[in-house]
Amino acid sequence: MRKAEKKTGELTLKEAQKKVDDWIKKYGVRYFSELTNMVVLTEEVGELARVMARKYGDQSAKPSEKDLNLDDEIADVMWVLICIANQSGVDLETVFNENIRKKTERDKDRHLKNEKLR
C-alpha cells in the first residue's frame, strides 16, 4: 500500500492523538495529571497482563472473567499512552518513526544472527 492510500477506518498516530484530544475536550473535562495517567497506565497494563495470563499462560479464567477481551485491553493501554503523549507534547508519529530507525540501525543484524530465534 502506498503512503497516500489509506483503508477506511484506519488512523494515523497523529489522527489518533487528535481524536483522543477532541474526546477529552468534549467529554473528559480535562486530562488527568501526568502522574495519575501513569498510574492508570500501570493499571491498564495489569488488566492486559491478566488477559494474557488467562489466554496464553497457564492460568485459567475465573467464572467472573468469562468476558476477558484482549482487544479492548490493548486499546485501553493505547488510549492512556496517547493521553500521556498529548499532555507531554510528544508527537507519536515522529517519535515512533525515529524509534524504528534507531532500532533498525542498532539491531539490523543482531536478531538475524541469534540462533535462539531460529
PDB file of N, CA and C in Angstrom:
ATOM      1  N   MET A   1       0.841  -1.164   0.000  1.00  0.00           N
ATOM      2  CA  MET A   1       0.000   0.000   0.000  1.00  0.00           C
ATOM      3  C   MET A   1       0.892   1.235   0.000  1.00  0.00           C
ATOM      4  N   ARG A   2       0.667   2.114  -0.956  1.00  0.00           N
ATOM      5  CA  ARG A   2       1.425   3.357  -1.000  1.00  0.00           C
ATOM      6  C   ARG A   2       1.032   4.254   0.153  1.00  0.00           C
ATOM      7  N   LYS A   3       1.950   5.148   0.509  1.00  0.00           N
ATOM      8  CA  LYS A   3       1.748   6.008   1.672  1.00  0.00           C
ATOM      9  C   LYS A   3       0.453   6.823   1.580  1.00  0.00           C
ATOM     10  N   ALA A   4       0.087   7.278   0.393  1.00  0.00           N
ATOM     11  CA  ALA A   4      -1.092   8.116   0.235  1.00  0.00           C
ATOM     12  C   ALA A   4      -2.392   7.326   0.395  1.00  0.00           C
ATOM     13  N   GLU A   5      -2.337   6.007   0.210  1.00  0.00           N
ATOM     14  CA  GLU A   5      -3.532   5.176   0.330  1.00  0.00           C
ATOM     15  C   GLU A   5      -3.805   4.848   1.788  1.00  0.00           C
ATOM     16  N   LYS A   6      -5.083   4.856   2.135  1.00  0.00           N
ATOM     17  CA  LYS A   6      -5.465   4.510   3.492  1.00  0.00           C
ATOM     18  C   LYS A   6      -6.818   3.822   3.442  1.00  0.00           C
ATOM     19  N   LYS A   7      -6.918   2.709   4.148  1.00  0.00           N
ATOM     20  CA  LYS A   7      -8.191   1.999   4.212  1.00  0.00           C
ATOM     21  C   LYS A   7      -9.155   2.781   5.097  1.00  0.00           C
ATOM     22  N   THR A   8     -10.435   2.630   4.807  1.00  0.00           N
ATOM     23  CA  THR A   8     -11.458   3.270   5.626  1.00  0.00           C
ATOM     24  C   THR A   8     -11.348   2.772   7.060  1.00  0.00           C
ATOM     25  N   GLY A   9     -11.400   3.688   7.999  1.00  0.00           N
ATOM     26  CA  GLY A   9     -11.334   3.319   9.406  1.00  0.00           C
ATOM     27  C   GLY A   9      -9.928   3.318   9.979  1.00  0.00           C
ATOM     28  N   GLU A  10      -8.907   3.371   9.136  1.00  0.00           N
ATOM     29  CA  GLU A  10      -7.534   3.409   9.644  1.00  0.00           C
ATOM     30  C   GLU A  10      -7.201   4.818  10.113  1.00  0.00           C
ATOM     31  N   LEU A  11      -6.401   4.883  11.160  1.00  0.00           N
ATOM     32  CA  LEU A  11      -5.969   6.167  11.709  1.00  0.00           C
ATOM     33  C   LEU A  11      -4.454   6.247  11.688  1.00  0.00           C
ATOM     34  N   THR A  12      -3.936   7.399  11.394  1.00  0.00           N
ATOM     35  CA  THR A  12      -2.518   7.623  11.629  1.00  0.00           C
ATOM     36  C   THR A  12      -2.358   7.875  13.122  1.00  0.00           C
ATOM     37  N   LEU A  13      -1.142   7.811  13.602  1.00  0.00           N
ATOM     38  CA  LEU A  13      -0.913   8.139  15.010  1.00  0.00           C
ATOM     39  C   LEU A  13      -1.308   9.585  15.294  1.00  0.00           C
ATOM     40  N   LYS A  14      -1.027  10.464  14.351  1.00  0.00           N
ATOM     41  CA  LYS A  14      -1.389  11.889  14.500  1.00  0.00           C
ATOM     42  C   LYS A  14      -2.906  12.037  14.631  1.00  0.00           C
ATOM     43  N   GLU A  15      -3.641  11.305  13.798  1.00  0.00           N
ATOM     44  CA  GLU A  15      -5.103  11.355  13.867  1.00  0.00           C
ATOM     45  C   GLU A  15      -5.625  10.764  15.177  1.00  0.00           C
ATOM     46  N   ALA A  16      -4.995   9.688  15.640  1.00  0.00           N
ATOM     47  CA  ALA A  16      -5.402   9.084  16.914  1.00  0.00           C
ATOM     48  C   ALA A  16      -5.179  10.074  18.056  1.00  0.00           C
ATOM     49  N   GLN A  17      -4.054  10.782  18.028  1.00  0.00           N
ATOM     50  CA  GLN A  17      -3.788  11.776  19.067  1.00  0.00           C
ATOM     51  C   GLN A  17      -4.843  12.880  19.048  1.00  0.00           C
ATOM     52  N   LYS A  18      -5.229  13.319  17.871  1.00  0.00           N
ATOM     53  CA  LYS A  18      -6.253  14.367  17.758  1.00  0.00           C
ATOM     54  C   LYS A  18      -7.605  13.848  18.227  1.00  0.00           C
ATOM     55  N   LYS A  19      -7.928  12.613  17.868  1.00  0.00           N
ATOM     56  CA  LYS A  19      -9.214  12.030  18.265  1.00  0.00           C
ATOM     57  C   LYS A  19      -9.320  11.936  19.789  1.00  0.00           C
ATOM     58  N   VAL A  20      -8.264  11.504  20.447  1.00  0.00           N
ATOM     59  CA  VAL A  20      -8.260  11.428  21.908  1.00  0.00           C
ATOM     60  C   VAL A  20      -8.374  12.836  22.491  1.00  0.00           C
ATOM     61  N   ASP A  21      -7.611  13.777  21.969  1.00  0.00           N
ATOM     62  CA  ASP A  21      -7.651  15.145  22.476  1.00  0.00           C
ATOM     63  C   ASP A  21      -9.048  15.745  22.319  1.00  0.00           C
ATOM     64  N   ASP A  22      -9.660  15.534  21.169  1.00  0.00           N
ATOM     65  CA  ASP A  22     -11.021  16.035  20.942  1.00  0.00           C
ATOM     66  C   ASP A  22     -11.999  15.430  21.940  1.00  0.00           C
ATOM     67  N   TRP A  23     -11.866  14.127  22.203  1.00  0.00           N
ATOM     68  CA  TRP A  23     -12.757  13.452  23.149  1.00  0.00           C
ATOM     69  C   TRP A  23     -12.575  14.014  24.556  1.00  0.00           C
ATOM     70  N   ILE A  24     -11.319  14.177  24.954  1.00  0.00           N
ATOM     71  CA  ILE A  24     -11.039  14.721  26.291  1.00  0.00           C
ATOM     72  C   ILE A  24     -11.669  16.106  26.437  1.00  0.00           C
ATOM     73  N   LYS A  25     -11.499  16.933  25.428  1.00  0.00           N
ATOM     74  CA  LYS A  25     -12.042  18.294  25.486  1.00  0.00           C
ATOM     75  C   LYS A  25     -13.568  18.309  25.497  1.00  0.00           C
ATOM     76  N   LYS A  26     -14.203  17.342  24.819  1.00  0.00           N
ATOM     77  CA  LYS A  26     -15.663  17.306  24.740  1.00  0.00           C
ATOM     78  C   LYS A  26     -16.300  16.599  25.935  1.00  0.00           C
ATOM     79  N   TYR A  27     -15.726  15.472  26.359  1.00  0.00           N
ATOM     80  CA  TYR A  27     -16.371  14.638  27.382  1.00  0.00           C
ATOM     81  C   TYR A  27     -15.572  14.482  28.671  1.00  0.00           C
ATOM     82  N   GLY A  28     -14.291  14.675  28.614  1.00  0.00           N
ATOM     83  CA  GLY A  28     -13.447  14.343  29.752  1.00  0.00           C
ATOM     84  C   GLY A  28     -13.138  15.493  30.687  1.00  0.00           C
ATOM     85  N   VAL A  29     -13.635  16.669  30.404  1.00  0.00           N
ATOM     86  CA  VAL A  29     -13.397  17.890  31.168  1.00  0.00           C
ATOM     87  C   VAL A  29     -11.950  18.360  30.988  1.00  0.00           C
ATOM     88  N   ARG A  30     -10.969  17.511  31.370  1.00  0.00           N
ATOM     89  CA  ARG A  30      -9.553  17.818  31.185  1.00  0.00           C
ATOM     90  C   ARG A  30      -8.778  16.514  31.310  1.00  0.00           C
ATOM     91  N   TYR A  31      -7.518  16.555  30.931  1.00  0.00           N
ATOM     92  CA  TYR A  31      -6.647  15.396  31.128  1.00  0.00           C
ATOM     93  C   TYR A  31      -6.418  15.202  32.619  1.00  0.00           C
ATOM     94  N   PHE A  32      -6.328  13.943  33.051  1.00  0.00           N
ATOM     95  CA  PHE A  32      -5.844  13.678  34.403  1.00  0.00           C
ATOM     96  C   PHE A  32      -4.392  14.152  34.450  1.00  0.00           C
ATOM     97  N   SER A  33      -3.860  14.350  35.629  1.00  0.00           N
ATOM     98  CA  SER A  33      -2.450  14.749  35.731  1.00  0.00           C
ATOM     99  C   SER A  33      -1.567  13.660  35.129  1.00  0.00           C
ATOM    100  N   GLU A  34      -0.359  14.048  34.769  1.00  0.00           N
ATOM    101  CA  GLU A  34       0.580  13.073  34.196  1.00  0.00           C
ATOM    102  C   GLU A  34       0.827  11.917  35.159  1.00  0.00           C
ATOM    103  N   LEU A  35       0.957  12.214  36.437  1.00  0.00           N
ATOM    104  CA  LEU A  35       1.185  11.157  37.420  1.00  0.00           C
ATOM    105  C   LEU A  35      -0.019  10.225  37.513  1.00  0.00           C
ATOM    106  N   THR A  36      -1.225  10.796  37.538  1.00  0.00           N
ATOM    107  CA  THR A  36      -2.428   9.955  37.559  1.00  0.00           C
ATOM    108  C   THR A  36      -2.486   9.081  36.312  1.00  0.00           C
ATOM    109  N   ASN A  37      -2.184   9.660  35.153  1.00  0.00           N
ATOM    110  CA  ASN A  37      -2.220   8.858  33.927  1.00  0.00           C
ATOM    111  C   ASN A  37      -1.162   7.749  33.947  1.00  0.00           C
ATOM    112  N   MET A  38      -0.032   7.991  34.569  1.00  0.00           N
ATOM    113  CA  MET A  38       0.981   6.938  34.685  1.00  0.00           C
ATOM    114  C   MET A  38       0.446   5.790  35.538  1.00  0.00           C
ATOM    115  N   VAL A  39      -0.244   6.118  36.610  1.00  0.00           N
ATOM    116  CA  VAL A  39      -0.840   5.090  37.467  1.00  0.00           C
ATOM    117  C   VAL A  39      -1.948   4.354  36.709  1.00  0.00           C
ATOM    118  N   VAL A  40      -2.772   5.096  35.973  1.00  0.00           N
ATOM    119  CA  VAL A  40      -3.837   4.472  35.179  1.00  0.00           C
ATOM    120  C   VAL A  40      -3.229   3.551  34.120  1.00  0.00           C
ATOM    121  N   LEU A  41      -2.121   3.984  33.493  1.00  0.00           N
ATOM    122  CA  LEU A  41      -1.445   3.137  32.514  1.00  0.00           C
ATOM    123  C   LEU A  41      -0.985   1.834  33.161  1.00  0.00           C
ATOM    124  N   THR A  42      -0.421   1.930  34.340  1.00  0.00           N
ATOM    125  CA  THR A  42       0.032   0.731  35.051  1.00  0.00           C
ATOM    126  C   THR A  42      -1.144  -0.199  35.325  1.00  0.00           C
ATOM    127  N   GLU A  43      -2.269   0.370  35.724  1.00  0.00           N
ATOM    128  CA  GLU A  43      -3.477  -0.418  35.962  1.00  0.00           C
ATOM    129  C   GLU A  43      -3.938  -1.112  34.681  1.00  0.00           C
ATOM    130  N   GLU A  44      -3.962  -0.374  33.582  1.00  0.00           N
ATOM    131  CA  GLU A  44      -4.411  -0.939  32.302  1.00  0.00           C
ATOM    132  C   GLU A  44      -3.466  -2.039  31.816  1.00  0.00           C
ATOM    133  N   VAL A  45      -2.164  -1.840  31.992  1.00  0.00           N
ATOM    134  CA  VAL A  45      -1.201  -2.879  31.608  1.00  0.00           C
ATOM    135  C   VAL A  45      -1.426  -4.128  32.460  1.00  0.00           C
ATOM    136  N   GLY A  46      -1.770  -3.937  33.731  1.00  0.00           N
ATOM    137  CA  GLY A  46      -2.084  -5.074  34.593  1.00  0.00           C
ATOM    138  C   GLY A  46      -3.308  -5.832  34.103  1.00  0.00           C
ATOM    139  N   GLU A  47      -4.323  -5.107  33.647  1.00  0.00           N
ATOM    140  CA  GLU A  47      -5.515  -5.759  33.105  1.00  0.00           C
ATOM    141  C   GLU A  47      -5.174  -6.525  31.825  1.00  0.00           C
ATOM    142  N   LEU A  48      -4.326  -5.951  30.996  1.00  0.00           N
ATOM    143  CA  LEU A  48      -3.862  -6.651  29.795  1.00  0.00           C
ATOM    144  C   LEU A  48      -3.081  -7.900  30.185  1.00  0.00           C
ATOM    145  N   ALA A  49      -2.241  -7.786  31.197  1.00  0.00           N
ATOM    146  CA  ALA A  49      -1.455  -8.932  31.659  1.00  0.00           C
ATOM    147  C   ALA A  49      -2.366 -10.055  32.146  1.00  0.00           C
ATOM    148  N   ARG A  50      -3.449  -9.705  32.828  1.00  0.00           N
ATOM    149  CA  ARG A  50      -4.390 -10.728  33.304  1.00  0.00           C
ATOM    150  C   ARG A  50      -4.992 -11.492  32.122  1.00  0.00           C
ATOM    151  N   VAL A  51      -5.398 -10.767  31.088  1.00  0.00           N
ATOM    152  CA  VAL A  51      -5.962 -11.428  29.905  1.00  0.00           C
ATOM    153  C   VAL A  51      -4.918 -12.332  29.262  1.00  0.00           C
ATOM    154  N   MET A  52      -3.688 -11.831  29.132  1.00  0.00           N
ATOM    155  CA  MET A  52      -2.616 -12.630  28.519  1.00  0.00           C
ATOM    156  C   MET A  52      -2.356 -13.898  29.331  1.00  0.00           C
ATOM    157  N   ALA A  53      -2.341 -13.778  30.657  1.00  0.00           N
ATOM    158  CA  ALA A  53      -2.086 -14.939  31.522  1.00  0.00           C
ATOM    159  C   ALA A  53      -3.184 -15.981  31.362  1.00  0.00           C
ATOM    160  N   ARG A  54      -4.424 -15.523  31.216  1.00  0.00           N
ATOM    161  CA  ARG A  54      -5.554 -16.456  31.071  1.00  0.00           C
ATOM    162  C   ARG A  54      -5.608 -17.062  29.668  1.00  0.00           C
ATOM    163  N   LYS A  55      -5.324 -16.235  28.672  1.00  0.00           N
ATOM    164  CA  LYS A  55      -5.464 -16.682  27.277  1.00  0.00           C
ATOM    165  C   LYS A  55      -4.256 -17.474  26.794  1.00  0.00           C
ATOM    166  N   TYR A  56      -3.047 -17.037  27.136  1.00  0.00           N
ATOM    167  CA  TYR A  56      -1.838 -17.666  26.607  1.00  0.00           C
ATOM    168  C   TYR A  56      -0.989 -18.348  27.672  1.00  0.00           C
ATOM    169  N   GLY A  57      -1.243 -18.018  28.920  1.00  0.00           N
ATOM    170  CA  GLY A  57      -0.461 -18.587  30.008  1.00  0.00           C
ATOM    171  C   GLY A  57      -1.136 -19.799  30.611  1.00  0.00           C
ATOM    172  N   ASP A  58      -0.673 -20.166  31.775  1.00  0.00           N
ATOM    173  CA  ASP A  58      -1.143 -21.378  32.432  1.00  0.00           C
ATOM    174  C   ASP A  58      -2.354 -21.155  33.329  1.00  0.00           C
ATOM    175  N   GLN A  59      -2.711 -19.916  33.584  1.00  0.00           N
ATOM    176  CA  GLN A  59      -3.845 -19.661  34.461  1.00  0.00           C
ATOM    177  C   GLN A  59      -5.159 -19.835  33.721  1.00  0.00           C
ATOM    178  N   SER A  60      -6.126 -20.396  34.408  1.00  0.00           N
ATOM    179  CA  SER A  60      -7.471 -20.483  33.836  1.00  0.00           C
ATOM    180  C   SER A  60      -8.273 -19.289  34.336  1.00  0.00           C
ATOM    181  N   ALA A  61      -9.247 -18.886  33.550  1.00  0.00           N
ATOM    182  CA  ALA A  61     -10.068 -17.738  33.911  1.00  0.00           C
ATOM    183  C   ALA A  61     -11.021 -18.106  35.036  1.00  0.00           C
ATOM    184  N   LYS A  62     -11.263 -17.160  35.917  1.00  0.00           N
ATOM    185  CA  LYS A  62     -12.261 -17.315  36.965  1.00  0.00           C
ATOM    186  C   LYS A  62     -13.636 -17.181  36.315  1.00  0.00           C
ATOM    187  N   PRO A  63     -14.681 -17.711  36.956  1.00  0.00           N
ATOM    188  CA  PRO A  63     -16.033 -17.554  36.372  1.00  0.00           C
ATOM    189  C   PRO A  63     -16.386 -16.083  36.100  1.00  0.00           C
ATOM    190  N   SER A  64     -15.922 -15.182  36.941  1.00  0.00           N
ATOM    191  CA  SER A  64     -16.219 -13.756  36.751  1.00  0.00           C
ATOM    192  C   SER A  64     -15.427 -13.140  35.600  1.00  0.00           C
ATOM    193  N   GLU A  65     -14.475 -13.886  35.036  1.00  0.00           N
ATOM    194  CA  GLU A  65     -13.625 -13.355  33.956  1.00  0.00           C
ATOM    195  C   GLU A  65     -13.990 -13.947  32.595  1.00  0.00           C
ATOM    196  N   LYS A  66     -15.225 -14.364  32.436  1.00  0.00           N
ATOM    197  CA  LYS A  66     -15.622 -15.013  31.183  1.00  0.00           C
ATOM    198  C   LYS A  66     -15.593 -14.065  29.985  1.00  0.00           C
ATOM    199  N   ASP A  67     -15.669 -12.763  30.252  1.00  0.00           N
ATOM    200  CA  ASP A  67     -15.712 -11.789  29.164  1.00  0.00           C
ATOM    201  C   ASP A  67     -14.389 -11.062  28.957  1.00  0.00           C
ATOM    202  N   LEU A  68     -13.268 -11.709  29.252  1.00  0.00           N
ATOM    203  CA  LEU A  68     -11.968 -11.076  29.055  1.00  0.00           C
ATOM    204  C   LEU A  68     -11.799 -10.732  27.574  1.00  0.00           C
ATOM    205  N   ASN A  69     -11.324  -9.518  27.301  1.00  0.00           N
ATOM    206  CA  ASN A  69     -11.247  -9.049  25.923  1.00  0.00           C
ATOM    207  C   ASN A  69      -9.868  -8.447  25.666  1.00  0.00           C
ATOM    208  N   LEU A  70      -9.018  -9.188  24.984  1.00  0.00           N
ATOM    209  CA  LEU A  70      -7.658  -8.749  24.680  1.00  0.00           C
ATOM    210  C   LEU A  70      -7.666  -7.453  23.877  1.00  0.00           C
ATOM    211  N   ASP A  71      -8.513  -7.381  22.861  1.00  0.00           N
ATOM    212  CA  ASP A  71      -8.571  -6.190  22.002  1.00  0.00           C
ATOM    213  C   ASP A  71      -8.867  -4.935  22.818  1.00  0.00           C
ATOM    214  N   ASP A  72      -9.852  -5.027  23.697  1.00  0.00           N
ATOM    215  CA  ASP A  72     -10.257  -3.874  24.492  1.00  0.00           C
ATOM    216  C   ASP A  72      -9.152  -3.458  25.453  1.00  0.00           C
ATOM    217  N   GLU A  73      -8.458  -4.416  26.032  1.00  0.00           N
ATOM    218  CA  GLU A  73      -7.379  -4.079  26.977  1.00  0.00           C
ATOM    219  C   GLU A  73      -6.215  -3.412  26.251  1.00  0.00           C
ATOM    220  N   ILE A  74      -5.885  -3.881  25.047  1.00  0.00           N
ATOM    221  CA  ILE A  74      -4.824  -3.231  24.260  1.00  0.00           C
ATOM    222  C   ILE A  74      -5.241  -1.800  23.914  1.00  0.00           C
ATOM    223  N   ALA A  75      -6.504  -1.615  23.534  1.00  0.00           N
ATOM    224  CA  ALA A  75      -6.997  -0.276  23.208  1.00  0.00           C
ATOM    225  C   ALA A  75      -6.950   0.637  24.429  1.00  0.00           C
ATOM    226  N   ASP A  76      -7.263   0.102  25.622  1.00  0.00           N
ATOM    227  CA  ASP A  76      -7.185   0.910  26.839  1.00  0.00           C
ATOM    228  C   ASP A  76      -5.754   1.378  27.099  1.00  0.00           C
ATOM    229  N   VAL A  77      -4.783   0.487  26.890  1.00  0.00           N
ATOM    230  CA  VAL A  77      -3.367   0.861  27.066  1.00  0.00           C
ATOM    231  C   VAL A  77      -2.996   1.955  26.069  1.00  0.00           C
ATOM    232  N   MET A  78      -3.411   1.774  24.821  1.00  0.00           N
ATOM    233  CA  MET A  78      -3.111   2.786  23.798  1.00  0.00           C
ATOM    234  C   MET A  78      -3.726   4.133  24.155  1.00  0.00           C
ATOM    235  N   TRP A  79      -4.958   4.110  24.628  1.00  0.00           N
ATOM    236  CA  TRP A  79      -5.656   5.352  24.992  1.00  0.00           C
ATOM    237  C   TRP A  79      -4.841   6.155  26.008  1.00  0.00           C
ATOM    238  N   VAL A  80      -4.417   5.484  27.076  1.00  0.00           N
ATOM    239  CA  VAL A  80      -3.692   6.190  28.133  1.00  0.00           C
ATOM    240  C   VAL A  80      -2.319   6.642  27.632  1.00  0.00           C
ATOM    241  N   LEU A  81      -1.654   5.821  26.829  1.00  0.00           N
ATOM    242  CA  LEU A  81      -0.368   6.243  26.256  1.00  0.00           C
ATOM    243  C   LEU A  81      -0.540   7.492  25.397  1.00  0.00           C
ATOM    244  N   ILE A  82      -1.611   7.519  24.626  1.00  0.00           N
ATOM    245  CA  ILE A  82      -1.885   8.696  23.786  1.00  0.00           C
ATOM    246  C   ILE A  82      -2.167   9.911  24.667  1.00  0.00           C
ATOM    247  N   CYS A  83      -2.916   9.716  25.753  1.00  0.00           N
ATOM    248  CA  CYS A  83      -3.163  10.830  26.675  1.00  0.00           C
ATOM    249  C   CYS A  83      -1.843  11.389  27.216  1.00  0.00           C
ATOM    250  N   ILE A  84      -0.965  10.499  27.642  1.00  0.00           N
ATOM    251  CA  ILE A  84       0.327  10.934  28.185  1.00  0.00           C
ATOM    252  C   ILE A  84       1.133  11.663  27.113  1.00  0.00           C
ATOM    253  N   ALA A  85       1.120  11.139  25.892  1.00  0.00           N
ATOM    254  CA  ALA A  85       1.834  11.809  24.795  1.00  0.00           C
ATOM    255  C   ALA A  85       1.253  13.197  24.545  1.00  0.00           C
ATOM    256  N   ASN A  86      -0.067  13.281  24.486  1.00  0.00           N
ATOM    257  CA  ASN A  86      -0.710  14.574  24.219  1.00  0.00           C
ATOM    258  C   ASN A  86      -0.362  15.603  25.279  1.00  0.00           C
ATOM    259  N   GLN A  87      -0.480  15.225  26.534  1.00  0.00           N
ATOM    260  CA  GLN A  87      -0.268  16.220  27.577  1.00  0.00           C
ATOM    261  C   GLN A  87       1.202  16.532  27.784  1.00  0.00           C
ATOM    262  N   SER A  88       2.078  15.701  27.220  1.00  0.00           N
ATOM    263  CA  SER A  88       3.521  15.929  27.330  1.00  0.00           C
ATOM    264  C   SER A  88       4.101  16.553  26.068  1.00  0.00           C
ATOM    265  N   GLY A  89       3.263  16.784  25.065  1.00  0.00           N
ATOM    266  CA  GLY A  89       3.718  17.411  23.833  1.00  0.00           C
ATOM    267  C   GLY A  89       4.524  16.485  22.929  1.00  0.00           C
ATOM    268  N   VAL A  90       4.278  15.184  23.018  1.00  0.00           N
ATOM    269  CA  VAL A  90       5.003  14.209  22.207  1.00  0.00           C
ATOM    270  C   VAL A  90       4.208  13.907  20.938  1.00  0.00           C
ATOM    271  N   ASP A  91       4.838  14.069  19.794  1.00  0.00           N
ATOM    272  CA  ASP A  91       4.247  13.709  18.502  1.00  0.00           C
ATOM    273  C   ASP A  91       4.573  12.232  18.260  1.00  0.00           C
ATOM    274  N   LEU A  92       3.595  11.363  18.521  1.00  0.00           N
ATOM    275  CA  LEU A  92       3.842   9.913  18.442  1.00  0.00           C
ATOM    276  C   LEU A  92       4.303   9.466  17.058  1.00  0.00           C
ATOM    277  N   GLU A  93       3.762  10.056  16.025  1.00  0.00           N
ATOM    278  CA  GLU A  93       4.150   9.653  14.671  1.00  0.00           C
ATOM    279  C   GLU A  93       5.643   9.904  14.445  1.00  0.00           C
ATOM    280  N   THR A  94       6.115  11.061  14.845  1.00  0.00           N
ATOM    281  CA  THR A  94       7.529  11.405  14.683  1.00  0.00           C
ATOM    282  C   THR A  94       8.421  10.507  15.527  1.00  0.00           C
ATOM    283  N   VAL A  95       8.092  10.377  16.809  1.00  0.00           N
ATOM    284  CA  VAL A  95       8.973   9.602  17.695  1.00  0.00           C
ATOM    285  C   VAL A  95       8.925   8.111  17.390  1.00  0.00           C
ATOM    286  N   PHE A  96       7.774   7.616  16.928  1.00  0.00           N
ATOM    287  CA  PHE A  96       7.679   6.199  16.567  1.00  0.00           C
ATOM    288  C   PHE A  96       8.551   5.904  15.350  1.00  0.00           C
ATOM    289  N   ASN A  97       8.462   6.757  14.333  1.00  0.00           N
ATOM    290  CA  ASN A  97       9.306   6.567  13.146  1.00  0.00           C
ATOM    291  C   ASN A  97      10.786   6.664  13.495  1.00  0.00           C
ATOM    292  N   GLU A  98      11.135   7.593  14.362  1.00  0.00           N
ATOM    293  CA  GLU A  98      12.527   7.731  14.803  1.00  0.00           C
ATOM    294  C   GLU A  98      12.960   6.492  15.585  1.00  0.00           C
ATOM    295  N   ASN A  99      12.068   5.948  16.378  1.00  0.00           N
ATOM    296  CA  ASN A  99      12.393   4.755  17.161  1.00  0.00           C
ATOM    297  C   ASN A  99      12.627   3.546  16.252  1.00  0.00           C
ATOM    298  N   ILE A 100      11.828   3.408  15.199  1.00  0.00           N
ATOM    299  CA  ILE A 100      12.040   2.320  14.239  1.00  0.00           C
ATOM    300  C   ILE A 100      13.391   2.484  13.548  1.00  0.00           C
ATOM    301  N   ARG A 101      13.713   3.729  13.162  1.00  0.00           N
ATOM    302  CA  ARG A 101      15.007   3.992  12.525  1.00  0.00           C
ATOM    303  C   ARG A 101      16.145   3.604  13.467  1.00  0.00           C
ATOM    304  N   LYS A 102      16.052   4.001  14.732  1.00  0.00           N
ATOM    305  CA  LYS A 102      17.085   3.697  15.719  1.00  0.00           C
ATOM    306  C   LYS A 102      17.234   2.183  15.904  1.00  0.00           C
ATOM    307  N   LYS A 103      16.120   1.480  16.054  1.00  0.00           N
ATOM    308  CA  LYS A 103      16.168   0.032  16.249  1.00  0.00           C
ATOM    309  C   LYS A 103      16.749  -0.672  15.022  1.00  0.00           C
ATOM    310  N   THR A 104      16.377  -0.201  13.844  1.00  0.00           N
ATOM    311  CA  THR A 104      16.888  -0.808  12.616  1.00  0.00           C
ATOM    312  C   THR A 104      18.394  -0.628  12.523  1.00  0.00           C
ATOM    313  N   GLU A 105      18.844   0.581  12.790  1.00  0.00           N
ATOM    314  CA  GLU A 105      20.279   0.859  12.741  1.00  0.00           C
ATOM    315  C   GLU A 105      21.039   0.017  13.767  1.00  0.00           C
ATOM    316  N   ARG A 106      20.526  -0.077  14.961  1.00  0.00           N
ATOM    317  CA  ARG A 106      21.195  -0.773  16.059  1.00  0.00           C
ATOM    318  C   ARG A 106      21.082  -2.303  15.937  1.00  0.00           C
ATOM    319  N   ASP A 107      19.934  -2.799  15.485  1.00  0.00           N
ATOM    320  CA  ASP A 107      19.636  -4.229  15.580  1.00  0.00           C
ATOM    321  C   ASP A 107      19.459  -4.937  14.243  1.00  0.00           C
ATOM    322  N   LYS A 108      19.854  -4.302  13.144  1.00  0.00           N
ATOM    323  CA  LYS A 108      19.559  -4.885  11.825  1.00  0.00           C
ATOM    324  C   LYS A 108      20.134  -6.282  11.648  1.00  0.00           C
ATOM    325  N   ASP A 109      21.227  -6.607  12.297  1.00  0.00           N
ATOM    326  CA  ASP A 109      21.827  -7.935  12.166  1.00  0.00           C
ATOM    327  C   ASP A 109      21.695  -8.783  13.427  1.00  0.00           C
ATOM    328  N   ARG A 110      21.502  -8.136  14.552  1.00  0.00           N
ATOM    329  CA  ARG A 110      21.521  -8.827  15.842  1.00  0.00           C
ATOM    330  C   ARG A 110      20.547  -9.994  15.919  1.00  0.00           C
ATOM    331  N   HIS A 111      19.295  -9.772  15.577  1.00  0.00           N
ATOM    332  CA  HIS A 111      18.288 -10.827  15.699  1.00  0.00           C
ATOM    333  C   HIS A 111      18.435 -11.889  14.615  1.00  0.00           C
ATOM    334  N   LEU A 112      18.878 -11.473  13.452  1.00  0.00           N
ATOM    335  CA  LEU A 112      19.086 -12.429  12.359  1.00  0.00           C
ATOM    336  C   LEU A 112      20.179 -13.452  12.716  1.00  0.00           C
ATOM    337  N   LYS A 113      21.138 -13.020  13.539  1.00  0.00           N
ATOM    338  CA  LYS A 113      22.241 -13.890  13.927  1.00  0.00           C
ATOM    339  C   LYS A 113      21.968 -14.670  15.215  1.00  0.00           C
ATOM    340  N   ASN A 114      20.832 -14.429  15.826  1.00  0.00           N
ATOM    341  CA  ASN A 114      20.503 -15.077  17.096  1.00  0.00           C
ATOM    342  C   ASN A 114      19.951 -16.480  16.848  1.00  0.00           C
ATOM    343  N   GLU A 115      20.743 -17.481  17.169  1.00  0.00           N
ATOM    344  CA  GLU A 115      20.353 -18.869  16.954  1.00  0.00           C
ATOM    345  C   GLU A 115      19.115 -19.254  17.770  1.00  0.00           C
ATOM    346  N   LYS A 116      18.895 -18.601  18.901  1.00  0.00           N
ATOM    347  CA  LYS A 116      17.736 -18.904  19.739  1.00  0.00           C
ATOM    348  C   LYS A 116      16.422 -18.539  19.051  1.00  0.00           C
ATOM    349  N   LEU A 117      16.479 -17.682  18.036  1.00  0.00           N
ATOM    350  CA  LEU A 117      15.267 -17.279  17.336  1.00  0.00           C
ATOM    351  C   LEU A 117      14.964 -18.135  16.110  1.00  0.00           C
ATOM    352  N   ARG A 118      15.809 -19.087  15.849  1.00  0.00           N
ATOM    353  CA  ARG A 118      15.597 -19.943  14.678  1.00  0.00           C
ATOM    354  C   ARG A 118      14.873 -21.199  15.041  1.00  0.00           C
TER     355      ARG A 118
END
